[in-house]
Amino acid sequence: MIDPGNFWLLTILLAIGTFLIRFSFLGFLGGRELPGWLLLHLRYVGISVFPALVTPMLLWPAATGGQTDWIRVAAGAIAFAAGMRISVIGAILAGMGAFYGLRLLAALL
């Protein structure tokens, strides 16, 4: 367990760091018009962060001891395809359905 003093020091330093990151955009650039090329690139930041967070959980899940589970990879690919064609809710439902369906199929075989 972490020492309470170290925990609070780290928490305060992280809070200051995230504040400064946000302030660098909002404080310095908040009243200015941003160039079109920058707005175009900023539009894709959120779209690129989510796959970067999910991919390690699909390829090296803790539930399998870090070993690649092809059922999870297939369910992720199906969820991605459904998200591109249908919607976010469709991607969630398709991914869950594929994951549990493929696990059931693997257990029966």
PDB file of N, CA and C in Angstrom:
ATOM      1  N   MET A   1       0.848  -1.177   0.000  1.00  0.00           N
ATOM      2  CA  MET A   1       0.000   0.000   0.000  1.00  0.00           C
ATOM      3  C   MET A   1       0.893   1.239   0.000  1.00  0.00           C
ATOM      4  N   ILE A   2       0.413   2.267  -0.633  1.00  0.00           N
ATOM      5  CA  ILE A   2       1.191   3.509  -0.741  1.00  0.00           C
ATOM      6  C   ILE A   2       1.047   4.318   0.547  1.00  0.00           C
ATOM      7  N   ASP A   3       2.119   4.988   0.907  1.00  0.00           N
ATOM      8  CA  ASP A   3       2.132   5.852   2.077  1.00  0.00           C
ATOM      9  C   ASP A   3       1.158   7.015   1.845  1.00  0.00           C
ATOM     10  N   PRO A   4       0.314   7.366   2.834  1.00  0.00           N
ATOM     11  CA  PRO A   4      -0.650   8.458   2.629  1.00  0.00           C
ATOM     12  C   PRO A   4      -0.002   9.784   2.235  1.00  0.00           C
ATOM     13  N   GLY A   5       1.168  10.081   2.780  1.00  0.00           N
ATOM     14  CA  GLY A   5       1.849  11.328   2.402  1.00  0.00           C
ATOM     15  C   GLY A   5       2.252  11.334   0.940  1.00  0.00           C
ATOM     16  N   ASN A   6       2.809  10.207   0.462  1.00  0.00           N
ATOM     17  CA  ASN A   6       3.182  10.097  -0.951  1.00  0.00           C
ATOM     18  C   ASN A   6       1.954  10.128  -1.852  1.00  0.00           C
ATOM     19  N   PHE A   7       0.877   9.510  -1.399  1.00  0.00           N
ATOM     20  CA  PHE A   7      -0.362   9.503  -2.183  1.00  0.00           C
ATOM     21  C   PHE A   7      -0.864  10.924  -2.405  1.00  0.00           C
ATOM     22  N   TRP A   8      -0.935  11.709  -1.331  1.00  0.00           N
ATOM     23  CA  TRP A   8      -1.468  13.062  -1.455  1.00  0.00           C
ATOM     24  C   TRP A   8      -0.526  13.968  -2.234  1.00  0.00           C
ATOM     25  N   LEU A   9       0.775  13.764  -2.068  1.00  0.00           N
ATOM     26  CA  LEU A   9       1.732  14.536  -2.858  1.00  0.00           C
ATOM     27  C   LEU A   9       1.558  14.246  -4.350  1.00  0.00           C
ATOM     28  N   LEU A  10       1.451  12.978  -4.697  1.00  0.00           N
ATOM     29  CA  LEU A  10       1.245  12.597  -6.092  1.00  0.00           C
ATOM     30  C   LEU A  10      -0.082  13.124  -6.622  1.00  0.00           C
ATOM     31  N   THR A  11      -1.135  13.045  -5.814  1.00  0.00           N
ATOM     32  CA  THR A  11      -2.448  13.540  -6.230  1.00  0.00           C
ATOM     33  C   THR A  11      -2.401  15.039  -6.511  1.00  0.00           C
ATOM     34  N   ILE A  12      -1.751  15.796  -5.640  1.00  0.00           N
ATOM     35  CA  ILE A  12      -1.659  17.247  -5.830  1.00  0.00           C
ATOM     36  C   ILE A  12      -0.819  17.581  -7.066  1.00  0.00           C
ATOM     37  N   LEU A  13       0.295  16.873  -7.251  1.00  0.00           N
ATOM     38  CA  LEU A  13       1.133  17.128  -8.429  1.00  0.00           C
ATOM     39  C   LEU A  13       0.404  16.791  -9.726  1.00  0.00           C
ATOM     40  N   LEU A  14      -0.349  15.691  -9.736  1.00  0.00           N
ATOM     41  CA  LEU A  14      -1.129  15.341 -10.925  1.00  0.00           C
ATOM     42  C   LEU A  14      -2.230  16.366 -11.185  1.00  0.00           C
ATOM     43  N   ALA A  15      -2.855  16.868 -10.128  1.00  0.00           N
ATOM     44  CA  ALA A  15      -3.894  17.887 -10.293  1.00  0.00           C
ATOM     45  C   ALA A  15      -3.307  19.161 -10.887  1.00  0.00           C
ATOM     46  N   ILE A  16      -2.143  19.575 -10.398  1.00  0.00           N
ATOM     47  CA  ILE A  16      -1.485  20.765 -10.945  1.00  0.00           C
ATOM     48  C   ILE A  16      -1.096  20.535 -12.403  1.00  0.00           C
ATOM     49  N   GLY A  17      -0.576  19.352 -12.704  1.00  0.00           N
ATOM     50  CA  GLY A  17      -0.182  19.039 -14.079  1.00  0.00           C
ATOM     51  C   GLY A  17      -1.360  19.061 -15.039  1.00  0.00           C
ATOM     52  N   THR A  18      -2.474  18.439 -14.659  1.00  0.00           N
ATOM     53  CA  THR A  18      -3.633  18.433 -15.558  1.00  0.00           C
ATOM     54  C   THR A  18      -4.229  19.836 -15.695  1.00  0.00           C
ATOM     55  N   PHE A  19      -4.184  20.616 -14.606  1.00  0.00           N
ATOM     56  CA  PHE A  19      -4.656  21.994 -14.709  1.00  0.00           C
ATOM     57  C   PHE A  19      -3.822  22.783 -15.711  1.00  0.00           C
ATOM     58  N   LEU A  20      -2.511  22.627 -15.640  1.00  0.00           N
ATOM     59  CA  LEU A  20      -1.629  23.372 -16.551  1.00  0.00           C
ATOM     60  C   LEU A  20      -1.822  22.933 -18.003  1.00  0.00           C
ATOM     61  N   ILE A  21      -2.068  21.639 -18.218  1.00  0.00           N
ATOM     62  CA  ILE A  21      -2.329  21.167 -19.582  1.00  0.00           C
ATOM     63  C   ILE A  21      -3.599  21.795 -20.124  1.00  0.00           C
ATOM     64  N   ARG A  22      -4.656  21.809 -19.317  1.00  0.00           N
ATOM     65  CA  ARG A  22      -5.916  22.406 -19.771  1.00  0.00           C
ATOM     66  C   ARG A  22      -5.778  23.919 -19.941  1.00  0.00           C
ATOM     67  N   PHE A  23      -5.082  24.554 -19.008  1.00  0.00           N
ATOM     68  CA  PHE A  23      -4.933  26.003 -19.077  1.00  0.00           C
ATOM     69  C   PHE A  23      -4.134  26.429 -20.301  1.00  0.00           C
ATOM     70  N   SER A  24      -3.215  25.558 -20.743  1.00  0.00           N
ATOM     71  CA  SER A  24      -2.422  25.914 -21.912  1.00  0.00           C
ATOM     72  C   SER A  24      -3.314  26.119 -23.136  1.00  0.00           C
ATOM     73  N   PHE A  25      -4.434  25.410 -23.205  1.00  0.00           N
ATOM     74  CA  PHE A  25      -5.361  25.623 -24.311  1.00  0.00           C
ATOM     75  C   PHE A  25      -6.415  26.665 -23.963  1.00  0.00           C
ATOM     76  N   LEU A  26      -7.064  26.494 -22.841  1.00  0.00           N
ATOM     77  CA  LEU A  26      -8.187  27.366 -22.515  1.00  0.00           C
ATOM     78  C   LEU A  26      -7.738  28.767 -22.103  1.00  0.00           C
ATOM     79  N   GLY A  27      -6.687  28.862 -21.315  1.00  0.00           N
ATOM     80  CA  GLY A  27      -6.247  30.164 -20.824  1.00  0.00           C
ATOM     81  C   GLY A  27      -5.549  30.993 -21.871  1.00  0.00           C
ATOM     82  N   PHE A  28      -4.664  30.370 -22.602  1.00  0.00           N
ATOM     83  CA  PHE A  28      -3.881  31.118 -23.581  1.00  0.00           C
ATOM     84  C   PHE A  28      -4.597  31.262 -24.923  1.00  0.00           C
ATOM     85  N   LEU A  29      -5.378  30.264 -25.310  1.00  0.00           N
ATOM     86  CA  LEU A  29      -6.011  30.288 -26.629  1.00  0.00           C
ATOM     87  C   LEU A  29      -7.527  30.450 -26.566  1.00  0.00           C
ATOM     88  N   GLY A  30      -8.086  30.594 -25.372  1.00  0.00           N
ATOM     89  CA  GLY A  30      -9.540  30.621 -25.208  1.00  0.00           C
ATOM     90  C   GLY A  30     -10.247  31.730 -25.964  1.00  0.00           C
ATOM     91  N   GLY A  31      -9.650  32.901 -26.057  1.00  0.00           N
ATOM     92  CA  GLY A  31     -10.309  34.016 -26.711  1.00  0.00           C
ATOM     93  C   GLY A  31      -9.927  34.201 -28.164  1.00  0.00           C
ATOM     94  N   ARG A  32      -9.102  33.314 -28.702  1.00  0.00           N
ATOM     95  CA  ARG A  32      -8.627  33.458 -30.073  1.00  0.00           C
ATOM     96  C   ARG A  32      -9.293  32.448 -30.994  1.00  0.00           C
ATOM     97  N   GLU A  33      -9.323  32.803 -32.241  1.00  0.00           N
ATOM     98  CA  GLU A  33      -9.818  31.878 -33.262  1.00  0.00           C
ATOM     99  C   GLU A  33      -8.670  30.967 -33.673  1.00  0.00           C
ATOM    100  N   LEU A  34      -8.894  29.658 -33.598  1.00  0.00           N
ATOM    101  CA  LEU A  34      -7.848  28.702 -33.957  1.00  0.00           C
ATOM    102  C   LEU A  34      -7.853  28.470 -35.460  1.00  0.00           C
ATOM    103  N   PRO A  35      -6.685  28.194 -36.035  1.00  0.00           N
ATOM    104  CA  PRO A  35      -6.636  27.928 -37.476  1.00  0.00           C
ATOM    105  C   PRO A  35      -7.385  26.649 -37.832  1.00  0.00           C
ATOM    106  N   GLY A  36      -7.863  26.596 -39.038  1.00  0.00           N
ATOM    107  CA  GLY A  36      -8.653  25.458 -39.494  1.00  0.00           C
ATOM    108  C   GLY A  36      -7.915  24.134 -39.446  1.00  0.00           C
ATOM    109  N   TRP A  37      -6.621  24.150 -39.797  1.00  0.00           N
ATOM    110  CA  TRP A  37      -5.867  22.899 -39.794  1.00  0.00           C
ATOM    111  C   TRP A  37      -5.735  22.338 -38.384  1.00  0.00           C
ATOM    112  N   LEU A  38      -5.631  23.212 -37.365  1.00  0.00           N
ATOM    113  CA  LEU A  38      -5.535  22.748 -35.980  1.00  0.00           C
ATOM    114  C   LEU A  38      -6.872  22.191 -35.502  1.00  0.00           C
ATOM    115  N   LEU A  39      -7.957  22.856 -35.854  1.00  0.00           N
ATOM    116  CA  LEU A  39      -9.278  22.350 -35.483  1.00  0.00           C
ATOM    117  C   LEU A  39      -9.550  20.993 -36.120  1.00  0.00           C
ATOM    118  N   LEU A  40      -9.090  20.805 -37.348  1.00  0.00           N
ATOM    119  CA  LEU A  40      -9.261  19.524 -38.012  1.00  0.00           C
ATOM    120  C   LEU A  40      -8.531  18.418 -37.249  1.00  0.00           C
ATOM    121  N   HIS A  41      -7.306  18.689 -36.813  1.00  0.00           N
ATOM    122  CA  HIS A  41      -6.536  17.679 -36.084  1.00  0.00           C
ATOM    123  C   HIS A  41      -7.098  17.443 -34.685  1.00  0.00           C
ATOM    124  N   LEU A  42      -7.577  18.485 -34.030  1.00  0.00           N
ATOM    125  CA  LEU A  42      -8.152  18.325 -32.698  1.00  0.00           C
ATOM    126  C   LEU A  42      -9.440  17.511 -32.724  1.00  0.00           C
ATOM    127  N   ARG A  43     -10.123  17.521 -33.846  1.00  0.00           N
ATOM    128  CA  ARG A  43     -11.360  16.764 -33.979  1.00  0.00           C
ATOM    129  C   ARG A  43     -11.117  15.260 -33.802  1.00  0.00           C
ATOM    130  N   TYR A  44      -9.939  14.792 -34.174  1.00  0.00           N
ATOM    131  CA  TYR A  44      -9.656  13.360 -34.140  1.00  0.00           C
ATOM    132  C   TYR A  44      -8.959  12.891 -32.867  1.00  0.00           C
ATOM    133  N   VAL A  45      -8.731  13.784 -31.921  1.00  0.00           N
ATOM    134  CA  VAL A  45      -8.054  13.381 -30.687  1.00  0.00           C
ATOM    135  C   VAL A  45      -8.906  12.397 -29.905  1.00  0.00           C
ATOM    136  N   GLY A  46     -10.166  12.700 -29.689  1.00  0.00           N
ATOM    137  CA  GLY A  46     -11.046  11.800 -28.938  1.00  0.00           C
ATOM    138  C   GLY A  46     -11.236  10.463 -29.625  1.00  0.00           C
ATOM    139  N   ILE A  47     -11.299  10.479 -30.932  1.00  0.00           N
ATOM    140  CA  ILE A  47     -11.490   9.250 -31.691  1.00  0.00           C
ATOM    141  C   ILE A  47     -10.255   8.360 -31.585  1.00  0.00           C
ATOM    142  N   SER A  48      -9.091   8.941 -31.460  1.00  0.00           N
ATOM    143  CA  SER A  48      -7.873   8.129 -31.397  1.00  0.00           C
ATOM    144  C   SER A  48      -7.536   7.674 -29.982  1.00  0.00           C
ATOM    145  N   VAL A  49      -8.025   8.363 -28.970  1.00  0.00           N
ATOM    146  CA  VAL A  49      -7.713   7.983 -27.592  1.00  0.00           C
ATOM    147  C   VAL A  49      -8.440   6.704 -27.199  1.00  0.00           C
ATOM    148  N   PHE A  50      -9.696   6.566 -27.576  1.00  0.00           N
ATOM    149  CA  PHE A  50     -10.472   5.391 -27.165  1.00  0.00           C
ATOM    150  C   PHE A  50      -9.854   4.084 -27.671  1.00  0.00           C
ATOM    151  N   PRO A  51      -9.507   3.954 -28.946  1.00  0.00           N
ATOM    152  CA  PRO A  51      -8.840   2.713 -29.366  1.00  0.00           C
ATOM    153  C   PRO A  51      -7.500   2.483 -28.674  1.00  0.00           C
ATOM    154  N   ALA A  52      -6.791   3.556 -28.366  1.00  0.00           N
ATOM    155  CA  ALA A  52      -5.509   3.401 -27.671  1.00  0.00           C
ATOM    156  C   ALA A  52      -5.709   2.856 -26.268  1.00  0.00           C
ATOM    157  N   LEU A  53      -6.835   3.137 -25.650  1.00  0.00           N
ATOM    158  CA  LEU A  53      -7.127   2.595 -24.328  1.00  0.00           C
ATOM    159  C   LEU A  53      -7.639   1.161 -24.398  1.00  0.00           C
ATOM    160  N   VAL A  54      -8.404   0.839 -25.425  1.00  0.00           N
ATOM    161  CA  VAL A  54      -9.056  -0.472 -25.516  1.00  0.00           C
ATOM    162  C   VAL A  54      -8.133  -1.545 -26.080  1.00  0.00           C
ATOM    163  N   THR A  55      -7.263  -1.207 -27.019  1.00  0.00           N
ATOM    164  CA  THR A  55      -6.447  -2.205 -27.713  1.00  0.00           C
ATOM    165  C   THR A  55      -5.606  -3.072 -26.788  1.00  0.00           C
ATOM    166  N   PRO A  56      -4.894  -2.531 -25.803  1.00  0.00           N
ATOM    167  CA  PRO A  56      -4.137  -3.420 -24.916  1.00  0.00           C
ATOM    168  C   PRO A  56      -5.016  -4.401 -24.148  1.00  0.00           C
ATOM    169  N   MET A  57      -6.254  -3.979 -23.809  1.00  0.00           N
ATOM    170  CA  MET A  57      -7.155  -4.892 -23.099  1.00  0.00           C
ATOM    171  C   MET A  57      -7.651  -6.011 -24.009  1.00  0.00           C
ATOM    172  N   LEU A  58      -7.664  -5.765 -25.309  1.00  0.00           N
ATOM    173  CA  LEU A  58      -8.070  -6.812 -26.243  1.00  0.00           C
ATOM    174  C   LEU A  58      -6.919  -7.766 -26.559  1.00  0.00           C
ATOM    175  N   LEU A  59      -5.731  -7.218 -26.728  1.00  0.00           N
ATOM    176  CA  LEU A  59      -4.603  -8.046 -27.149  1.00  0.00           C
ATOM    177  C   LEU A  59      -3.924  -8.777 -25.991  1.00  0.00           C
ATOM    178  N   TRP A  60      -3.819  -8.135 -24.829  1.00  0.00           N
ATOM    179  CA  TRP A  60      -3.132  -8.747 -23.686  1.00  0.00           C
ATOM    180  C   TRP A  60      -3.977  -8.600 -22.434  1.00  0.00           C
ATOM    181  N   PRO A  61      -5.147  -9.265 -22.370  1.00  0.00           N
ATOM    182  CA  PRO A  61      -6.046  -9.063 -21.231  1.00  0.00           C
ATOM    183  C   PRO A  61      -5.496  -9.697 -19.952  1.00  0.00           C
ATOM    184  N   ALA A  62      -5.757  -9.039 -18.834  1.00  0.00           N
ATOM    185  CA  ALA A  62      -5.331  -9.560 -17.534  1.00  0.00           C
ATOM    186  C   ALA A  62      -6.078 -10.847 -17.190  1.00  0.00           C
ATOM    187  N   ALA A  63      -7.285 -11.011 -17.723  1.00  0.00           N
ATOM    188  CA  ALA A  63      -8.075 -12.210 -17.429  1.00  0.00           C
ATOM    189  C   ALA A  63      -7.426 -13.475 -17.961  1.00  0.00           C
ATOM    190  N   THR A  64      -6.582 -13.369 -18.959  1.00  0.00           N
ATOM    191  CA  THR A  64      -5.902 -14.543 -19.517  1.00  0.00           C
ATOM    192  C   THR A  64      -4.420 -14.555 -19.180  1.00  0.00           C
ATOM    193  N   GLY A  65      -4.021 -13.759 -18.218  1.00  0.00           N
ATOM    194  CA  GLY A  65      -2.617 -13.711 -17.839  1.00  0.00           C
ATOM    195  C   GLY A  65      -1.738 -13.019 -18.861  1.00  0.00           C
ATOM    196  N   GLY A  66      -2.317 -12.146 -19.659  1.00  0.00           N
ATOM    197  CA  GLY A  66      -1.550 -11.415 -20.665  1.00  0.00           C
ATOM    198  C   GLY A  66      -1.410 -12.145 -21.987  1.00  0.00           C
ATOM    199  N   GLN A  67      -2.004 -13.316 -22.101  1.00  0.00           N
ATOM    200  CA  GLN A  67      -1.958 -14.067 -23.354  1.00  0.00           C
ATOM    201  C   GLN A  67      -3.078 -13.593 -24.272  1.00  0.00           C
ATOM    202  N   THR A  68      -2.804 -13.497 -25.555  1.00  0.00           N
ATOM    203  CA  THR A  68      -3.811 -13.060 -26.520  1.00  0.00           C
ATOM    204  C   THR A  68      -4.928 -14.079 -26.603  1.00  0.00           C
ATOM    205  N   ASP A  69      -6.150 -13.592 -26.450  1.00  0.00           N
ATOM    206  CA  ASP A  69      -7.346 -14.424 -26.548  1.00  0.00           C
ATOM    207  C   ASP A  69      -8.048 -14.043 -27.847  1.00  0.00           C
ATOM    208  N   TRP A  70      -8.071 -14.942 -28.808  1.00  0.00           N
ATOM    209  CA  TRP A  70      -8.601 -14.619 -30.128  1.00  0.00           C
ATOM    210  C   TRP A  70     -10.094 -14.374 -30.124  1.00  0.00           C
ATOM    211  N   ILE A  71     -10.785 -14.869 -29.116  1.00  0.00           N
ATOM    212  CA  ILE A  71     -12.212 -14.562 -28.998  1.00  0.00           C
ATOM    213  C   ILE A  71     -12.390 -13.070 -28.714  1.00  0.00           C
ATOM    214  N   ARG A  72     -11.567 -12.528 -27.844  1.00  0.00           N
ATOM    215  CA  ARG A  72     -11.650 -11.096 -27.544  1.00  0.00           C
ATOM    216  C   ARG A  72     -11.258 -10.247 -28.755  1.00  0.00           C
ATOM    217  N   VAL A  73     -10.244 -10.678 -29.476  1.00  0.00           N
ATOM    218  CA  VAL A  73      -9.816  -9.938 -30.671  1.00  0.00           C
ATOM    219  C   VAL A  73     -10.926  -9.962 -31.729  1.00  0.00           C
ATOM    220  N   ALA A  74     -11.546 -11.118 -31.931  1.00  0.00           N
ATOM    221  CA  ALA A  74     -12.637 -11.225 -32.908  1.00  0.00           C
ATOM    222  C   ALA A  74     -13.827 -10.376 -32.486  1.00  0.00           C
ATOM    223  N   ALA A  75     -14.163 -10.408 -31.187  1.00  0.00           N
ATOM    224  CA  ALA A  75     -15.280  -9.589 -30.708  1.00  0.00           C
ATOM    225  C   ALA A  75     -14.973  -8.105 -30.869  1.00  0.00           C
ATOM    226  N   GLY A  76     -13.720  -7.719 -30.643  1.00  0.00           N
ATOM    227  CA  GLY A  76     -13.326  -6.324 -30.852  1.00  0.00           C
ATOM    228  C   GLY A  76     -13.428  -5.912 -32.307  1.00  0.00           C
ATOM    229  N   ALA A  77     -13.039  -6.809 -33.211  1.00  0.00           N
ATOM    230  CA  ALA A  77     -13.140  -6.511 -34.647  1.00  0.00           C
ATOM    231  C   ALA A  77     -14.597  -6.388 -35.077  1.00  0.00           C
ATOM    232  N   ILE A  78     -15.439  -7.247 -34.545  1.00  0.00           N
ATOM    233  CA  ILE A  78     -16.871  -7.180 -34.871  1.00  0.00           C
ATOM    234  C   ILE A  78     -17.479  -5.896 -34.307  1.00  0.00           C
ATOM    235  N   ALA A  79     -17.092  -5.533 -33.086  1.00  0.00           N
ATOM    236  CA  ALA A  79     -17.593  -4.290 -32.494  1.00  0.00           C
ATOM    237  C   ALA A  79     -17.131  -3.084 -33.302  1.00  0.00           C
ATOM    238  N   PHE A  80     -15.889  -3.109 -33.770  1.00  0.00           N
ATOM    239  CA  PHE A  80     -15.378  -2.013 -34.591  1.00  0.00           C
ATOM    240  C   PHE A  80     -16.168  -1.898 -35.891  1.00  0.00           C
ATOM    241  N   ALA A  81     -16.405  -3.029 -36.544  1.00  0.00           N
ATOM    242  CA  ALA A  81     -17.157  -3.012 -37.801  1.00  0.00           C
ATOM    243  C   ALA A  81     -18.578  -2.506 -37.574  1.00  0.00           C
ATOM    244  N   ALA A  82     -19.205  -2.943 -36.489  1.00  0.00           N
ATOM    245  CA  ALA A  82     -20.555  -2.473 -36.192  1.00  0.00           C
ATOM    246  C   ALA A  82     -20.560  -0.983 -35.859  1.00  0.00           C
ATOM    247  N   GLY A  83     -19.537  -0.522 -35.189  1.00  0.00           N
ATOM    248  CA  GLY A  83     -19.450   0.899 -34.873  1.00  0.00           C
ATOM    249  C   GLY A  83     -19.277   1.761 -36.103  1.00  0.00           C
ATOM    250  N   MET A  84     -18.561   1.237 -37.090  1.00  0.00           N
ATOM    251  CA  MET A  84     -18.378   1.982 -38.329  1.00  0.00           C
ATOM    252  C   MET A  84     -19.655   2.004 -39.170  1.00  0.00           C
ATOM    253  N   ARG A  85     -20.456   0.950 -39.075  1.00  0.00           N
ATOM    254  CA  ARG A  85     -21.641   0.839 -39.922  1.00  0.00           C
ATOM    255  C   ARG A  85     -22.930   1.261 -39.227  1.00  0.00           C
ATOM    256  N   ILE A  86     -23.050   0.989 -37.938  1.00  0.00           N
ATOM    257  CA  ILE A  86     -24.343   1.169 -37.269  1.00  0.00           C
ATOM    258  C   ILE A  86     -24.284   2.391 -36.347  1.00  0.00           C
ATOM    259  N   SER A  87     -23.815   2.167 -35.119  1.00  0.00           N
ATOM    260  CA  SER A  87     -23.742   3.240 -34.125  1.00  0.00           C
ATOM    261  C   SER A  87     -22.909   2.748 -32.953  1.00  0.00           C
ATOM    262  N   VAL A  88     -22.743   3.610 -31.967  1.00  0.00           N
ATOM    263  CA  VAL A  88     -21.988   3.218 -30.779  1.00  0.00           C
ATOM    264  C   VAL A  88     -22.732   2.130 -30.014  1.00  0.00           C
ATOM    265  N   ILE A  89     -24.034   2.297 -29.853  1.00  0.00           N
ATOM    266  CA  ILE A  89     -24.826   1.279 -29.152  1.00  0.00           C
ATOM    267  C   ILE A  89     -24.792  -0.030 -29.932  1.00  0.00           C
ATOM    268  N   GLY A  90     -24.882   0.048 -31.245  1.00  0.00           N
ATOM    269  CA  GLY A  90     -24.775  -1.159 -32.069  1.00  0.00           C
ATOM    270  C   GLY A  90     -23.431  -1.842 -31.909  1.00  0.00           C
ATOM    271  N   ALA A  91     -22.364  -1.053 -31.786  1.00  0.00           N
ATOM    272  CA  ALA A  91     -21.027  -1.623 -31.583  1.00  0.00           C
ATOM    273  C   ALA A  91     -20.941  -2.332 -30.242  1.00  0.00           C
ATOM    274  N   ILE A  92     -21.496  -1.730 -29.204  1.00  0.00           N
ATOM    275  CA  ILE A  92     -21.477  -2.353 -27.879  1.00  0.00           C
ATOM    276  C   ILE A  92     -22.254  -3.657 -27.894  1.00  0.00           C
ATOM    277  N   LEU A  93     -23.438  -3.637 -28.455  1.00  0.00           N
ATOM    278  CA  LEU A  93     -24.264  -4.851 -28.489  1.00  0.00           C
ATOM    279  C   LEU A  93     -23.640  -5.933 -29.370  1.00  0.00           C
ATOM    280  N   ALA A  94     -23.105  -5.542 -30.508  1.00  0.00           N
ATOM    281  CA  ALA A  94     -22.472  -6.521 -31.394  1.00  0.00           C
ATOM    282  C   ALA A  94     -21.224  -7.111 -30.750  1.00  0.00           C
ATOM    283  N   GLY A  95     -20.417  -6.288 -30.094  1.00  0.00           N
ATOM    284  CA  GLY A  95     -19.216  -6.779 -29.425  1.00  0.00           C
ATOM    285  C   GLY A  95     -19.540  -7.726 -28.286  1.00  0.00           C
ATOM    286  N   MET A  96     -20.526  -7.344 -27.479  1.00  0.00           N
ATOM    287  CA  MET A  96     -20.928  -8.235 -26.373  1.00  0.00           C
ATOM    288  C   MET A  96     -21.520  -9.530 -26.902  1.00  0.00           C
ATOM    289  N   GLY A  97     -22.378  -9.426 -27.896  1.00  0.00           N
ATOM    290  CA  GLY A  97     -22.972 -10.628 -28.469  1.00  0.00           C
ATOM    291  C   GLY A  97     -21.933 -11.542 -29.088  1.00  0.00           C
ATOM    292  N   ALA A  98     -20.985 -10.965 -29.801  1.00  0.00           N
ATOM    293  CA  ALA A  98     -19.923 -11.770 -30.408  1.00  0.00           C
ATOM    294  C   ALA A  98     -19.047 -12.412 -29.345  1.00  0.00           C
ATOM    295  N   PHE A  99     -18.702 -11.676 -28.305  1.00  0.00           N
ATOM    296  CA  PHE A  99     -17.839 -12.213 -27.258  1.00  0.00           C
ATOM    297  C   PHE A  99     -18.501 -13.404 -26.571  1.00  0.00           C
ATOM    298  N   TYR A 100     -19.733 -13.213 -26.103  1.00  0.00           N
ATOM    299  CA  TYR A 100     -20.404 -14.308 -25.393  1.00  0.00           C
ATOM    300  C   TYR A 100     -20.797 -15.436 -26.340  1.00  0.00           C
ATOM    301  N   GLY A 101     -21.164 -15.099 -27.576  1.00  0.00           N
ATOM    302  CA  GLY A 101     -21.495 -16.143 -28.546  1.00  0.00           C
ATOM    303  C   GLY A 101     -20.287 -16.988 -28.918  1.00  0.00           C
ATOM    304  N   LEU A 102     -19.154 -16.349 -29.143  1.00  0.00           N
ATOM    305  CA  LEU A 102     -17.942 -17.098 -29.475  1.00  0.00           C
ATOM    306  C   LEU A 102     -17.434 -17.922 -28.294  1.00  0.00           C
ATOM    307  N   ARG A 103     -17.582 -17.395 -27.081  1.00  0.00           N
ATOM    308  CA  ARG A 103     -17.205 -18.190 -25.896  1.00  0.00           C
ATOM    309  C   ARG A 103     -18.099 -19.409 -25.758  1.00  0.00           C
ATOM    310  N   LEU A 104     -19.385 -19.254 -26.008  1.00  0.00           N
ATOM    311  CA  LEU A 104     -20.308 -20.384 -25.940  1.00  0.00           C
ATOM    312  C   LEU A 104     -19.977 -21.394 -27.024  1.00  0.00           C
ATOM    313  N   LEU A 105     -19.703 -20.920 -28.228  1.00  0.00           N
ATOM    314  CA  LEU A 105     -19.343 -21.810 -29.329  1.00  0.00           C
ATOM    315  C   LEU A 105     -18.046 -22.560 -29.029  1.00  0.00           C
ATOM    316  N   ALA A 106     -17.069 -21.859 -28.461  1.00  0.00           N
ATOM    317  CA  ALA A 106     -15.795 -22.522 -28.106  1.00  0.00           C
ATOM    318  C   ALA A 106     -16.002 -23.552 -27.000  1.00  0.00           C
ATOM    319  N   ALA A 107     -16.892 -23.280 -26.073  1.00  0.00           N
ATOM    320  CA  ALA A 107     -17.149 -24.241 -24.990  1.00  0.00           C
ATOM    321  C   ALA A 107     -17.878 -25.469 -25.502  1.00  0.00           C
ATOM    322  N   LEU A 108     -18.736 -25.283 -26.487  1.00  0.00           N
ATOM    323  CA  LEU A 108     -19.486 -26.421 -27.033  1.00  0.00           C
ATOM    324  C   LEU A 108     -18.605 -27.295 -27.933  1.00  0.00           C
ATOM    325  N   LEU A 109     -17.618 -26.701 -28.554  1.00  0.00           N
ATOM    326  CA  LEU A 109     -16.739 -27.465 -29.440  1.00  0.00           C
ATOM    327  C   LEU A 109     -15.648 -28.028 -28.613  1.00  0.00           C
TER     328      LEU A 109
END
